[in-house]
Amino acid sequence: MKVKVNGELRELPDGTATVRALLDEVRYSFPLLIVRVNGSLVERGAYSRAPVSDGDEVEVYHLVSGG
């Protein structure tokens, strides 16, 4: 499956069909993430259910706090 993640085309193994599986595969482990699939925001609680399909565009941003 080919998916564009943050502008980079990635070849992901079959079975990487949810946002959670994609995040695990690309090793994004930041505690506070914002994820959009094809421009639509995915709620944090839905990562394990939100589908990712061949050809999708996924944007992942991590939030950083500081002073």
N, C-alpha and C. Protein backbone atom coordinates (compact mmCIF):
# COMPACT_ATOMS: atom_id res chain seq x y z
N MET A 1 0.85 -1.17 0.00
CA MET A 1 0.00 0.00 0.00
C MET A 1 0.90 1.23 0.00
N LYS A 2 0.57 2.21 -0.85
CA LYS A 2 1.32 3.45 -0.90
C LYS A 2 0.47 4.57 -0.32
N VAL A 3 1.07 5.30 0.62
CA VAL A 3 0.40 6.39 1.31
C VAL A 3 1.38 7.55 1.39
N LYS A 4 0.90 8.76 1.22
CA LYS A 4 1.75 9.93 1.38
C LYS A 4 1.61 10.40 2.82
N VAL A 5 2.74 10.41 3.54
CA VAL A 5 2.76 10.82 4.94
C VAL A 5 3.63 12.07 5.05
N ASN A 6 3.02 13.17 5.45
CA ASN A 6 3.71 14.46 5.54
C ASN A 6 4.48 14.77 4.26
N GLY A 7 3.83 14.54 3.14
CA GLY A 7 4.40 14.87 1.84
C GLY A 7 5.35 13.85 1.26
N GLU A 8 5.67 12.81 2.01
CA GLU A 8 6.61 11.77 1.56
C GLU A 8 5.85 10.50 1.23
N LEU A 9 6.03 10.00 0.02
CA LEU A 9 5.38 8.76 -0.39
C LEU A 9 6.04 7.59 0.32
N ARG A 10 5.22 6.79 0.99
CA ARG A 10 5.74 5.64 1.74
C ARG A 10 5.04 4.38 1.28
N GLU A 11 5.81 3.33 1.20
CA GLU A 11 5.28 1.99 0.92
C GLU A 11 5.08 1.32 2.27
N LEU A 12 3.84 1.01 2.59
CA LEU A 12 3.52 0.39 3.87
C LEU A 12 3.07 -1.05 3.65
N PRO A 13 3.33 -1.91 4.64
CA PRO A 13 2.91 -3.30 4.48
C PRO A 13 1.40 -3.44 4.47
N ASP A 14 0.93 -4.45 3.77
CA ASP A 14 -0.50 -4.76 3.81
C ASP A 14 -0.89 -4.99 5.27
N GLY A 15 -2.08 -4.57 5.63
CA GLY A 15 -2.52 -4.68 7.00
C GLY A 15 -2.37 -3.39 7.78
N THR A 16 -1.70 -2.41 7.17
CA THR A 16 -1.58 -1.10 7.79
C THR A 16 -2.79 -0.28 7.35
N ALA A 17 -3.94 -0.62 7.89
CA ALA A 17 -5.19 -0.07 7.38
C ALA A 17 -5.87 0.91 8.33
N THR A 18 -5.21 1.24 9.44
CA THR A 18 -5.78 2.22 10.36
C THR A 18 -4.72 3.28 10.68
N VAL A 19 -5.18 4.40 11.19
CA VAL A 19 -4.26 5.45 11.59
C VAL A 19 -3.29 4.92 12.65
N ARG A 20 -3.79 4.17 13.64
CA ARG A 20 -2.93 3.63 14.70
C ARG A 20 -1.84 2.74 14.11
N ALA A 21 -2.19 1.85 13.19
CA ALA A 21 -1.20 0.97 12.57
C ALA A 21 -0.18 1.77 11.77
N LEU A 22 -0.62 2.82 11.08
CA LEU A 22 0.30 3.66 10.33
C LEU A 22 1.26 4.37 11.28
N LEU A 23 0.74 4.94 12.37
CA LEU A 23 1.60 5.63 13.32
C LEU A 23 2.63 4.68 13.92
N ASP A 24 2.22 3.46 14.21
CA ASP A 24 3.15 2.46 14.73
C ASP A 24 4.22 2.11 13.70
N GLU A 25 3.79 1.95 12.46
CA GLU A 25 4.72 1.57 11.38
C GLU A 25 5.77 2.65 11.13
N VAL A 26 5.36 3.92 11.14
CA VAL A 26 6.32 5.00 10.89
C VAL A 26 6.98 5.49 12.17
N ARG A 27 6.63 4.84 13.28
CA ARG A 27 7.25 5.09 14.59
C ARG A 27 7.03 6.51 15.09
N TYR A 28 5.81 7.00 14.92
CA TYR A 28 5.44 8.29 15.50
C TYR A 28 4.86 7.99 16.87
N SER A 29 5.59 8.31 17.91
CA SER A 29 5.17 7.95 19.27
C SER A 29 4.99 9.16 20.17
N PHE A 30 4.99 10.36 19.60
CA PHE A 30 4.79 11.55 20.42
C PHE A 30 3.44 11.45 21.12
N PRO A 31 3.35 11.91 22.37
CA PRO A 31 2.09 11.76 23.10
C PRO A 31 0.96 12.64 22.56
N LEU A 32 1.26 13.78 22.00
CA LEU A 32 0.21 14.67 21.49
C LEU A 32 0.37 14.85 19.99
N LEU A 33 -0.50 14.18 19.25
CA LEU A 33 -0.45 14.23 17.79
C LEU A 33 -1.76 14.78 17.24
N ILE A 34 -1.65 15.45 16.11
CA ILE A 34 -2.81 15.83 15.32
C ILE A 34 -2.67 15.09 14.00
N VAL A 35 -3.73 14.38 13.60
CA VAL A 35 -3.68 13.58 12.38
C VAL A 35 -4.84 13.98 11.48
N ARG A 36 -4.51 14.19 10.20
CA ARG A 36 -5.52 14.45 9.18
C ARG A 36 -5.33 13.44 8.07
N VAL A 37 -6.42 12.84 7.62
CA VAL A 37 -6.39 11.92 6.49
C VAL A 37 -7.21 12.55 5.38
N ASN A 38 -6.56 12.81 4.26
CA ASN A 38 -7.20 13.49 3.13
C ASN A 38 -7.89 14.77 3.56
N GLY A 39 -7.24 15.50 4.47
CA GLY A 39 -7.74 16.79 4.91
C GLY A 39 -8.73 16.74 6.05
N SER A 40 -9.19 15.57 6.45
CA SER A 40 -10.16 15.45 7.54
C SER A 40 -9.46 15.09 8.85
N LEU A 41 -9.78 15.84 9.90
CA LEU A 41 -9.21 15.60 11.21
C LEU A 41 -9.68 14.25 11.75
N VAL A 42 -8.75 13.50 12.33
CA VAL A 42 -9.08 12.22 12.97
C VAL A 42 -8.94 12.43 14.48
N GLU A 43 -10.01 12.17 15.21
CA GLU A 43 -9.98 12.31 16.66
C GLU A 43 -9.05 11.27 17.27
N ARG A 44 -8.35 11.63 18.31
CA ARG A 44 -7.38 10.74 18.96
C ARG A 44 -7.99 9.40 19.35
N GLY A 45 -9.19 9.41 19.86
CA GLY A 45 -9.84 8.18 20.28
C GLY A 45 -10.25 7.28 19.13
N ALA A 46 -10.17 7.78 17.90
CA ALA A 46 -10.59 7.01 16.72
C ALA A 46 -9.40 6.46 15.93
N TYR A 47 -8.18 6.65 16.39
CA TYR A 47 -7.02 6.20 15.62
C TYR A 47 -7.08 4.71 15.29
N SER A 48 -7.57 3.90 16.21
CA SER A 48 -7.62 2.45 15.98
C SER A 48 -8.73 2.04 15.02
N ARG A 49 -9.69 2.94 14.78
CA ARG A 49 -10.81 2.64 13.89
C ARG A 49 -10.74 3.40 12.57
N ALA A 50 -10.00 4.51 12.53
CA ALA A 50 -9.96 5.37 11.34
C ALA A 50 -9.17 4.68 10.22
N PRO A 51 -9.80 4.48 9.07
CA PRO A 51 -9.13 3.76 7.99
C PRO A 51 -8.10 4.60 7.25
N VAL A 52 -7.09 3.92 6.75
CA VAL A 52 -6.10 4.50 5.84
C VAL A 52 -6.07 3.58 4.63
N SER A 53 -6.25 4.16 3.44
CA SER A 53 -6.31 3.36 2.22
C SER A 53 -5.18 3.72 1.27
N ASP A 54 -4.94 2.85 0.33
CA ASP A 54 -3.93 3.09 -0.69
C ASP A 54 -4.21 4.42 -1.37
N GLY A 55 -3.19 5.26 -1.47
CA GLY A 55 -3.32 6.56 -2.13
C GLY A 55 -3.73 7.70 -1.23
N ASP A 56 -4.02 7.43 0.04
CA ASP A 56 -4.42 8.50 0.96
C ASP A 56 -3.25 9.44 1.24
N GLU A 57 -3.60 10.66 1.63
CA GLU A 57 -2.62 11.64 2.08
C GLU A 57 -2.85 11.86 3.56
N VAL A 58 -1.81 11.60 4.35
CA VAL A 58 -1.90 11.70 5.81
C VAL A 58 -0.93 12.78 6.27
N GLU A 59 -1.43 13.65 7.12
CA GLU A 59 -0.59 14.67 7.74
C GLU A 59 -0.57 14.40 9.23
N VAL A 60 0.63 14.37 9.80
CA VAL A 60 0.79 14.12 11.23
C VAL A 60 1.64 15.24 11.81
N TYR A 61 1.12 15.86 12.84
CA TYR A 61 1.84 16.94 13.51
C TYR A 61 1.91 16.62 15.00
N HIS A 62 3.04 16.88 15.61
CA HIS A 62 3.11 16.70 17.06
C HIS A 62 3.13 18.08 17.70
N LEU A 63 2.42 18.15 18.83
CA LEU A 63 2.34 19.40 19.56
C LEU A 63 3.49 19.47 20.55
N VAL A 64 4.09 20.64 20.64
CA VAL A 64 5.19 20.87 21.56
C VAL A 64 4.81 22.04 22.45
N SER A 65 5.01 21.86 23.73
CA SER A 65 4.72 22.97 24.63
C SER A 65 6.03 23.43 25.28
N GLY A 66 6.01 24.59 25.75
CA GLY A 66 7.20 25.11 26.38
C GLY A 66 6.98 26.56 26.78
N GLY A 67 7.96 27.14 27.34
CA GLY A 67 7.78 28.50 27.82
C GLY A 67 8.84 29.44 27.39
